[in-house]
N, C-alpha and C. Protein backbone atom coordinates (compact mmCIF):
# COMPACT_ATOMS: atom_id res chain seq x y z
N UNK A 1 -6.51 -1.81 21.31
CA UNK A 1 -6.44 -1.68 22.74
C UNK A 1 -6.15 -0.24 23.13
N UNK A 2 -5.24 0.42 22.46
CA UNK A 2 -4.87 1.77 22.85
C UNK A 2 -5.96 2.78 22.53
N UNK A 3 -6.91 2.42 21.67
CA UNK A 3 -7.98 3.34 21.33
C UNK A 3 -8.84 3.67 22.54
N UNK A 4 -8.99 2.75 23.47
CA UNK A 4 -9.83 2.98 24.64
C UNK A 4 -9.30 2.16 25.81
N UNK A 5 -8.10 2.46 26.24
CA UNK A 5 -7.48 1.64 27.29
C UNK A 5 -8.17 1.81 28.63
N UNK A 6 -8.93 2.86 28.82
CA UNK A 6 -9.57 3.07 30.10
C UNK A 6 -11.00 2.56 30.16
N UNK A 7 -11.57 2.16 29.04
CA UNK A 7 -12.97 1.76 29.01
C UNK A 7 -13.17 0.27 28.96
N UNK A 8 -14.42 -0.11 28.72
CA UNK A 8 -14.79 -1.52 28.68
C UNK A 8 -14.85 -2.07 27.26
N UNK A 9 -14.39 -1.32 26.29
CA UNK A 9 -14.48 -1.73 24.90
C UNK A 9 -13.86 -3.10 24.66
N UNK A 10 -12.76 -3.39 25.32
CA UNK A 10 -12.05 -4.64 25.09
C UNK A 10 -12.23 -5.64 26.23
N UNK A 11 -13.25 -5.43 27.06
CA UNK A 11 -13.52 -6.36 28.15
C UNK A 11 -13.83 -7.75 27.61
N UNK A 12 -14.48 -7.82 26.46
CA UNK A 12 -14.80 -9.12 25.87
C UNK A 12 -13.53 -9.93 25.59
N UNK A 13 -12.42 -9.25 25.29
CA UNK A 13 -11.16 -9.96 25.07
C UNK A 13 -10.72 -10.67 26.35
N UNK A 14 -10.86 -9.99 27.46
CA UNK A 14 -10.44 -10.57 28.74
C UNK A 14 -11.30 -11.79 29.09
N UNK A 15 -12.59 -11.70 28.85
CA UNK A 15 -13.47 -12.82 29.20
C UNK A 15 -13.35 -13.97 28.21
N UNK A 16 -12.87 -13.69 27.00
CA UNK A 16 -12.74 -14.72 25.98
C UNK A 16 -11.34 -15.30 25.87
N UNK A 17 -10.38 -14.71 26.55
CA UNK A 17 -8.99 -15.13 26.42
C UNK A 17 -8.64 -16.21 27.43
N UNK A 18 -8.09 -17.29 26.92
CA UNK A 18 -7.62 -18.38 27.79
C UNK A 18 -6.15 -18.17 28.12
N UNK A 19 -5.39 -17.67 27.17
CA UNK A 19 -3.97 -17.42 27.40
C UNK A 19 -3.33 -16.70 26.24
N UNK A 20 -2.22 -16.08 26.54
CA UNK A 20 -1.41 -15.40 25.53
C UNK A 20 0.02 -15.87 25.73
N UNK A 21 0.66 -16.25 24.65
CA UNK A 21 2.05 -16.69 24.73
C UNK A 21 2.89 -15.80 23.82
N UNK A 22 3.93 -15.23 24.37
CA UNK A 22 4.87 -14.44 23.60
C UNK A 22 6.17 -15.22 23.55
N UNK A 23 6.57 -15.64 22.36
CA UNK A 23 7.81 -16.40 22.19
C UNK A 23 8.82 -15.56 21.44
N UNK A 24 9.92 -15.25 22.09
CA UNK A 24 10.97 -14.49 21.43
C UNK A 24 10.53 -13.10 21.01
N UNK A 25 9.64 -12.52 21.75
CA UNK A 25 9.08 -11.22 21.40
C UNK A 25 9.93 -10.09 21.97
N UNK A 26 10.45 -9.22 21.12
CA UNK A 26 11.27 -8.11 21.63
C UNK A 26 10.40 -6.95 22.10
N UNK A 27 9.79 -7.10 23.28
CA UNK A 27 8.86 -6.09 23.79
C UNK A 27 9.48 -4.71 23.92
N UNK A 28 10.77 -4.67 24.12
CA UNK A 28 11.46 -3.38 24.25
C UNK A 28 12.32 -3.06 23.04
N UNK A 29 12.04 -3.74 21.93
CA UNK A 29 12.77 -3.48 20.69
C UNK A 29 14.02 -4.35 20.59
N UNK A 30 14.68 -4.23 19.46
CA UNK A 30 15.87 -5.04 19.23
C UNK A 30 16.84 -4.31 18.30
N UNK A 31 18.12 -4.55 18.53
CA UNK A 31 19.13 -3.99 17.64
C UNK A 31 19.05 -4.63 16.26
N UNK A 32 18.49 -5.83 16.19
CA UNK A 32 18.39 -6.56 14.92
C UNK A 32 17.45 -5.86 13.93
N UNK A 33 16.62 -4.95 14.38
CA UNK A 33 15.72 -4.25 13.46
C UNK A 33 16.50 -3.45 12.42
N UNK A 34 17.74 -3.12 12.76
CA UNK A 34 18.60 -2.40 11.82
C UNK A 34 18.70 -3.16 10.50
N UNK A 35 18.85 -4.48 10.58
CA UNK A 35 19.01 -5.29 9.36
C UNK A 35 17.75 -5.25 8.51
N UNK A 36 16.61 -5.30 9.14
CA UNK A 36 15.36 -5.20 8.39
C UNK A 36 15.22 -3.84 7.73
N UNK A 37 15.61 -2.80 8.45
CA UNK A 37 15.56 -1.45 7.88
C UNK A 37 16.50 -1.34 6.68
N UNK A 38 17.66 -1.93 6.81
CA UNK A 38 18.64 -1.89 5.73
C UNK A 38 18.11 -2.61 4.49
N UNK A 39 17.50 -3.78 4.69
CA UNK A 39 16.93 -4.54 3.57
C UNK A 39 15.79 -3.75 2.92
N UNK A 40 14.93 -3.14 3.74
CA UNK A 40 13.83 -2.34 3.20
C UNK A 40 14.36 -1.13 2.44
N UNK A 41 15.38 -0.48 2.97
CA UNK A 41 15.99 0.68 2.30
C UNK A 41 16.56 0.26 0.94
N UNK A 42 17.27 -0.86 0.93
CA UNK A 42 17.84 -1.38 -0.31
C UNK A 42 16.74 -1.72 -1.31
N UNK A 43 15.67 -2.34 -0.81
CA UNK A 43 14.53 -2.67 -1.67
C UNK A 43 13.89 -1.43 -2.27
N UNK A 44 13.79 -0.36 -1.47
CA UNK A 44 13.24 0.90 -1.99
C UNK A 44 14.10 1.43 -3.13
N UNK A 45 15.41 1.41 -2.92
CA UNK A 45 16.33 1.92 -3.93
C UNK A 45 16.28 1.09 -5.21
N UNK A 46 15.93 -0.19 -5.08
CA UNK A 46 15.81 -1.06 -6.25
C UNK A 46 14.42 -1.00 -6.88
N UNK A 47 13.55 -0.17 -6.30
CA UNK A 47 12.21 0.01 -6.85
C UNK A 47 11.24 -1.10 -6.48
N UNK A 48 11.49 -1.79 -5.37
CA UNK A 48 10.62 -2.90 -4.96
C UNK A 48 9.46 -2.47 -4.07
N UNK A 49 9.34 -1.19 -3.79
CA UNK A 49 8.20 -0.69 -3.03
C UNK A 49 8.17 -1.16 -1.58
N UNK A 50 9.30 -1.20 -0.94
CA UNK A 50 9.37 -1.64 0.46
C UNK A 50 8.91 -0.53 1.40
N UNK A 51 8.33 -0.93 2.53
CA UNK A 51 7.90 0.03 3.55
C UNK A 51 8.60 -0.33 4.85
N UNK A 52 9.33 0.62 5.41
CA UNK A 52 10.10 0.34 6.62
C UNK A 52 9.51 0.96 7.88
N UNK A 53 8.28 1.45 7.80
CA UNK A 53 7.67 2.15 8.94
C UNK A 53 7.60 1.26 10.18
N UNK A 54 7.12 0.04 10.04
CA UNK A 54 6.99 -0.84 11.21
C UNK A 54 8.37 -1.23 11.75
N UNK A 55 9.36 -1.32 10.89
CA UNK A 55 10.70 -1.69 11.33
C UNK A 55 11.30 -0.61 12.22
N UNK A 56 11.00 0.63 11.94
CA UNK A 56 11.49 1.72 12.79
C UNK A 56 10.88 1.63 14.18
N UNK A 57 9.66 1.16 14.25
CA UNK A 57 9.00 0.98 15.55
C UNK A 57 9.62 -0.16 16.36
N UNK A 58 10.35 -1.05 15.70
CA UNK A 58 10.98 -2.18 16.39
C UNK A 58 12.39 -1.87 16.89
N UNK A 59 12.82 -0.63 16.72
CA UNK A 59 14.15 -0.24 17.21
C UNK A 59 14.21 -0.39 18.73
N UNK A 60 15.42 -0.61 19.22
CA UNK A 60 15.62 -0.74 20.65
C UNK A 60 15.18 0.55 21.35
N UNK A 61 14.45 0.40 22.45
CA UNK A 61 13.92 1.53 23.24
C UNK A 61 12.97 2.42 22.43
N UNK A 62 12.22 1.81 21.53
CA UNK A 62 11.25 2.53 20.72
C UNK A 62 10.13 3.09 21.60
N UNK A 63 9.79 4.34 21.38
CA UNK A 63 8.70 4.97 22.14
C UNK A 63 7.37 4.29 21.83
N UNK A 64 7.19 3.89 20.58
CA UNK A 64 5.96 3.20 20.17
C UNK A 64 5.79 1.89 20.93
N UNK A 65 6.86 1.09 21.00
CA UNK A 65 6.78 -0.17 21.74
C UNK A 65 6.56 0.06 23.23
N UNK A 66 7.23 1.06 23.78
CA UNK A 66 7.04 1.37 25.20
C UNK A 66 5.58 1.75 25.49
N UNK A 67 4.98 2.54 24.60
CA UNK A 67 3.57 2.93 24.76
C UNK A 67 2.65 1.72 24.68
N UNK A 68 2.91 0.83 23.71
CA UNK A 68 2.09 -0.37 23.57
C UNK A 68 2.20 -1.27 24.79
N UNK A 69 3.42 -1.44 25.29
CA UNK A 69 3.64 -2.27 26.46
C UNK A 69 2.92 -1.69 27.68
N UNK A 70 3.01 -0.39 27.85
CA UNK A 70 2.34 0.28 28.97
C UNK A 70 0.82 0.11 28.89
N UNK A 71 0.28 0.35 27.70
CA UNK A 71 -1.18 0.24 27.50
C UNK A 71 -1.65 -1.19 27.72
N UNK A 72 -0.91 -2.16 27.20
CA UNK A 72 -1.26 -3.57 27.38
C UNK A 72 -1.22 -3.95 28.86
N UNK A 73 -0.20 -3.50 29.57
CA UNK A 73 -0.07 -3.81 30.99
C UNK A 73 -1.22 -3.21 31.78
N UNK A 74 -1.61 -1.98 31.47
CA UNK A 74 -2.77 -1.37 32.15
C UNK A 74 -4.02 -2.20 31.92
N UNK A 75 -4.24 -2.60 30.67
CA UNK A 75 -5.42 -3.41 30.33
C UNK A 75 -5.40 -4.73 31.08
N UNK A 76 -4.23 -5.34 31.14
CA UNK A 76 -4.07 -6.62 31.81
C UNK A 76 -4.47 -6.53 33.28
N UNK A 77 -4.02 -5.49 33.95
CA UNK A 77 -4.35 -5.32 35.36
C UNK A 77 -5.80 -4.90 35.57
N UNK A 78 -6.32 -4.06 34.70
CA UNK A 78 -7.72 -3.63 34.84
C UNK A 78 -8.68 -4.80 34.67
N UNK A 79 -8.33 -5.72 33.80
CA UNK A 79 -9.19 -6.89 33.56
C UNK A 79 -8.92 -8.00 34.57
N UNK A 80 -7.96 -7.79 35.43
CA UNK A 80 -7.61 -8.74 36.49
C UNK A 80 -7.30 -10.13 35.94
N UNK A 81 -6.51 -10.17 34.88
CA UNK A 81 -6.11 -11.44 34.30
C UNK A 81 -4.90 -11.99 35.06
N UNK A 82 -4.90 -13.28 35.29
CA UNK A 82 -3.75 -13.90 35.94
C UNK A 82 -2.57 -13.90 34.98
N UNK A 83 -1.38 -13.72 35.55
CA UNK A 83 -0.19 -13.65 34.72
C UNK A 83 0.87 -14.62 35.24
N UNK A 84 1.57 -15.22 34.32
CA UNK A 84 2.69 -16.09 34.64
C UNK A 84 3.83 -15.74 33.70
N UNK A 85 5.02 -15.68 34.23
CA UNK A 85 6.18 -15.38 33.40
C UNK A 85 7.18 -16.52 33.48
N UNK A 86 7.61 -16.98 32.33
CA UNK A 86 8.63 -18.02 32.25
C UNK A 86 9.81 -17.40 31.52
N UNK A 87 10.91 -17.29 32.20
CA UNK A 87 12.09 -16.68 31.61
C UNK A 87 13.10 -17.75 31.26
N UNK A 88 13.71 -17.60 30.12
CA UNK A 88 14.74 -18.53 29.69
C UNK A 88 16.05 -18.14 30.35
N UNK A 89 16.40 -18.84 31.41
CA UNK A 89 17.62 -18.54 32.15
C UNK A 89 18.75 -19.49 31.77
N UNK A 90 18.53 -20.30 30.77
CA UNK A 90 19.53 -21.28 30.34
C UNK A 90 20.29 -20.69 29.16
N UNK A 91 21.60 -20.85 29.17
CA UNK A 91 22.41 -20.35 28.07
C UNK A 91 21.95 -20.96 26.75
N UNK A 92 21.83 -20.15 25.75
CA UNK A 92 21.32 -20.59 24.45
C UNK A 92 22.32 -21.54 23.79
N UNK A 93 21.79 -22.61 23.23
CA UNK A 93 22.61 -23.57 22.50
C UNK A 93 22.77 -23.06 21.07
N UNK A 94 24.00 -22.88 20.63
CA UNK A 94 24.23 -22.32 19.30
C UNK A 94 24.69 -23.36 18.30
N UNK A 95 24.95 -24.58 18.73
CA UNK A 95 25.40 -25.63 17.83
C UNK A 95 26.90 -25.65 17.64
N UNK A 96 27.59 -24.73 18.31
CA UNK A 96 29.06 -24.70 18.22
C UNK A 96 29.67 -25.49 19.37
N UNK A 97 30.86 -25.97 19.14
CA UNK A 97 31.57 -26.68 20.20
C UNK A 97 32.76 -25.90 20.67
């Protein structure tokens, strides 16, 4: 999408898409990515050939994620796709009493 966000290259996606659902997606990053980075770092030190590049992109307030979100939003509006947002406003059940 970011390769040609201003053109018609991905217009076929808009005409072929019925819906997109994002469940639990950290669009703006997450503090939890630290744990993945730590595991990947540990794996590297143990010689397991881990790659942590994508995990760094999942950091909170990541510039990469912000760019992707911006580009996707532009595409969404240019293709005039209808949008609906459902937000979880209910306190999460943790199983504790």
